[in-house]
């Protein structure tokens, strides 16, 4: 059975796609949704076109899933929503998620 993080990772790969370097994308070079800047901050030194799925998985797991404690959220739906949000917006995403939870509870 595939664990929850791997299901989330597969979802991100589906949404984010493979390599991209679109001139209208402020993120610049990306692969699997990971920007060159993020890859470099996680120790990746190679060309973005060569970023492996394994390295992307490690980056997503360490920099987002565990760092933002997504693994502690019991609801899969809520966890995936927040995970996707923080991947795309970082600290802003986690701040807004916390504000939403505070309003509900």
C-alpha atoms as a PDB file:
ATOM      1  CA  UNK A   1       0.000   0.000   0.000  1.00  0.00           C
ATOM      2  CA  UNK A   2       1.288   3.436  -0.945  1.00  0.00           C
ATOM      3  CA  UNK A   3       1.609   5.760   2.024  1.00  0.00           C
ATOM      4  CA  UNK A   4      -0.061   9.153   2.170  1.00  0.00           C
ATOM      5  CA  UNK A   5       3.002  11.221   1.307  1.00  0.00           C
ATOM      6  CA  UNK A   6       3.605   9.198  -1.856  1.00  0.00           C
ATOM      7  CA  UNK A   7      -0.027   9.685  -2.906  1.00  0.00           C
ATOM      8  CA  UNK A   8       0.374  13.421  -2.375  1.00  0.00           C
ATOM      9  CA  UNK A   9       3.665  13.392  -4.283  1.00  0.00           C
ATOM     10  CA  UNK A  10       2.049  11.606  -7.221  1.00  0.00           C
ATOM     11  CA  UNK A  11      -0.715  14.221  -7.219  1.00  0.00           C
ATOM     12  CA  UNK A  12       1.845  17.048  -7.309  1.00  0.00           C
ATOM     13  CA  UNK A  13       3.675  15.425 -10.212  1.00  0.00           C
ATOM     14  CA  UNK A  14       0.400  15.171 -12.111  1.00  0.00           C
ATOM     15  CA  UNK A  15      -0.434  18.837 -11.463  1.00  0.00           C
ATOM     16  CA  UNK A  16       3.041  20.330 -11.804  1.00  0.00           C
ATOM     17  CA  UNK A  17       4.278  18.362 -14.803  1.00  0.00           C
ATOM     18  CA  UNK A  18       7.877  17.830 -15.874  1.00  0.00           C
ATOM     19  CA  UNK A  19      10.480  20.419 -16.913  1.00  0.00           C
ATOM     20  CA  UNK A  20       9.411  23.980 -17.677  1.00  0.00           C
ATOM     21  CA  UNK A  21      11.167  27.253 -18.395  1.00  0.00           C
ATOM     22  CA  UNK A  22       8.370  29.501 -19.632  1.00  0.00           C
ATOM     23  CA  UNK A  23       9.388  33.167 -20.075  1.00  0.00           C
ATOM     24  CA  UNK A  24       6.156  34.390 -18.431  1.00  0.00           C
ATOM     25  CA  UNK A  25       6.650  32.237 -15.318  1.00  0.00           C
ATOM     26  CA  UNK A  26       8.396  34.203 -12.563  1.00  0.00           C
ATOM     27  CA  UNK A  27       9.639  30.932 -11.081  1.00  0.00           C
ATOM     28  CA  UNK A  28      12.015  30.441 -13.991  1.00  0.00           C
ATOM     29  CA  UNK A  29      13.284  26.923 -14.550  1.00  0.00           C
ATOM     30  CA  UNK A  30      11.236  24.287 -12.764  1.00  0.00           C
ATOM     31  CA  UNK A  31      11.012  20.545 -12.802  1.00  0.00           C
ATOM     32  CA  UNK A  32       8.205  18.647 -11.091  1.00  0.00           C
ATOM     33  CA  UNK A  33       7.090  22.036  -9.756  1.00  0.00           C
ATOM     34  CA  UNK A  34      10.380  22.680  -7.965  1.00  0.00           C
ATOM     35  CA  UNK A  35      12.080  25.945  -8.839  1.00  0.00           C
ATOM     36  CA  UNK A  36      15.788  26.171  -9.467  1.00  0.00           C
ATOM     37  CA  UNK A  37      16.111  28.389  -6.395  1.00  0.00           C
ATOM     38  CA  UNK A  38      14.407  25.809  -4.174  1.00  0.00           C
ATOM     39  CA  UNK A  39      16.452  22.955  -5.632  1.00  0.00           C
ATOM     40  CA  UNK A  40      19.678  24.902  -4.963  1.00  0.00           C
ATOM     41  CA  UNK A  41      18.608  25.704  -1.396  1.00  0.00           C
ATOM     42  CA  UNK A  42      18.179  21.946  -0.863  1.00  0.00           C
ATOM     43  CA  UNK A  43      21.666  21.147  -2.138  1.00  0.00           C
ATOM     44  CA  UNK A  44      20.904  20.202  -5.736  1.00  0.00           C
ATOM     45  CA  UNK A  45      23.712  21.411  -8.011  1.00  0.00           C
ATOM     46  CA  UNK A  46      22.853  19.858 -11.388  1.00  0.00           C
ATOM     47  CA  UNK A  47      20.902  21.148 -14.362  1.00  0.00           C
ATOM     48  CA  UNK A  48      17.178  21.434 -13.650  1.00  0.00           C
ATOM     49  CA  UNK A  49      16.386  19.224 -16.646  1.00  0.00           C
ATOM     50  CA  UNK A  50      18.321  16.460 -14.864  1.00  0.00           C
ATOM     51  CA  UNK A  51      16.534  16.705 -11.501  1.00  0.00           C
ATOM     52  CA  UNK A  52      15.351  13.198 -10.672  1.00  0.00           C
ATOM     53  CA  UNK A  53      11.963  12.244  -9.259  1.00  0.00           C
ATOM     54  CA  UNK A  54      13.793  10.807  -6.262  1.00  0.00           C
ATOM     55  CA  UNK A  55      15.453  14.158  -5.517  1.00  0.00           C
ATOM     56  CA  UNK A  56      12.161  15.987  -6.088  1.00  0.00           C
ATOM     57  CA  UNK A  57      10.458  13.601  -3.680  1.00  0.00           C
ATOM     58  CA  UNK A  58      13.099  14.273  -1.012  1.00  0.00           C
ATOM     59  CA  UNK A  59      12.715  18.026  -1.465  1.00  0.00           C
ATOM     60  CA  UNK A  60       8.923  17.894  -1.190  1.00  0.00           C
ATOM     61  CA  UNK A  61       9.036  15.599   1.822  1.00  0.00           C
ATOM     62  CA  UNK A  62      11.651  17.527   3.801  1.00  0.00           C
ATOM     63  CA  UNK A  63      11.013  21.139   2.757  1.00  0.00           C
ATOM     64  CA  UNK A  64       7.220  21.054   2.748  1.00  0.00           C
ATOM     65  CA  UNK A  65       5.564  17.887   4.065  1.00  0.00           C
ATOM     66  CA  UNK A  66       7.609  17.484   7.235  1.00  0.00           C
ATOM     67  CA  UNK A  67       8.755  21.090   7.705  1.00  0.00           C
ATOM     68  CA  UNK A  68       5.162  22.327   7.782  1.00  0.00           C
ATOM     69  CA  UNK A  69       4.035  19.291   9.807  1.00  0.00           C
ATOM     70  CA  UNK A  70       1.604  18.155   7.122  1.00  0.00           C
ATOM     71  CA  UNK A  71       2.287  14.622   8.349  1.00  0.00           C
ATOM     72  CA  UNK A  72       0.570  15.527  11.644  1.00  0.00           C
ATOM     73  CA  UNK A  73      -2.745  16.507  10.036  1.00  0.00           C
ATOM     74  CA  UNK A  74      -5.240  13.673  10.439  1.00  0.00           C
ATOM     75  CA  UNK A  75      -7.583  14.457   7.552  1.00  0.00           C
ATOM     76  CA  UNK A  76      -6.149  13.425   4.179  1.00  0.00           C
ATOM     77  CA  UNK A  77      -8.261  16.018   2.368  1.00  0.00           C
ATOM     78  CA  UNK A  78      -7.139  18.828   4.647  1.00  0.00           C
ATOM     79  CA  UNK A  79      -3.522  17.668   4.562  1.00  0.00           C
ATOM     80  CA  UNK A  80      -3.425  17.526   0.761  1.00  0.00           C
ATOM     81  CA  UNK A  81      -5.063  20.938   0.450  1.00  0.00           C
ATOM     82  CA  UNK A  82      -2.571  22.542   2.818  1.00  0.00           C
ATOM     83  CA  UNK A  83       0.374  20.667   1.310  1.00  0.00           C
ATOM     84  CA  UNK A  84      -0.516  21.867  -2.188  1.00  0.00           C
ATOM     85  CA  UNK A  85      -1.040  25.399  -0.873  1.00  0.00           C
ATOM     86  CA  UNK A  86       2.329  25.630   0.905  1.00  0.00           C
ATOM     87  CA  UNK A  87       4.157  24.108  -2.069  1.00  0.00           C
ATOM     88  CA  UNK A  88       2.825  26.967  -4.186  1.00  0.00           C
ATOM     89  CA  UNK A  89       2.951  29.777  -1.641  1.00  0.00           C
ATOM     90  CA  UNK A  90       5.297  28.823   1.215  1.00  0.00           C
ATOM     91  CA  UNK A  91       4.853  30.591   4.539  1.00  0.00           C
ATOM     92  CA  UNK A  92       1.910  32.574   3.201  1.00  0.00           C
ATOM     93  CA  UNK A  93       0.080  29.289   2.574  1.00  0.00           C
ATOM     94  CA  UNK A  94       0.623  27.948   6.065  1.00  0.00           C
ATOM     95  CA  UNK A  95      -0.361  31.311   7.587  1.00  0.00           C
ATOM     96  CA  UNK A  96      -3.626  31.372   5.631  1.00  0.00           C
ATOM     97  CA  UNK A  97      -4.355  27.739   6.491  1.00  0.00           C
ATOM     98  CA  UNK A  98      -3.874  28.535  10.197  1.00  0.00           C
ATOM     99  CA  UNK A  99      -6.154  31.566   9.916  1.00  0.00           C
ATOM    100  CA  UNK A 100      -8.857  29.379   8.337  1.00  0.00           C
ATOM    101  CA  UNK A 101      -8.567  26.755  11.075  1.00  0.00           C
ATOM    102  CA  UNK A 102      -8.729  29.469  13.745  1.00  0.00           C
ATOM    103  CA  UNK A 103     -11.953  30.873  12.244  1.00  0.00           C
ATOM    104  CA  UNK A 104     -13.587  27.456  12.117  1.00  0.00           C
ATOM    105  CA  UNK A 105     -12.468  26.291  15.550  1.00  0.00           C
END
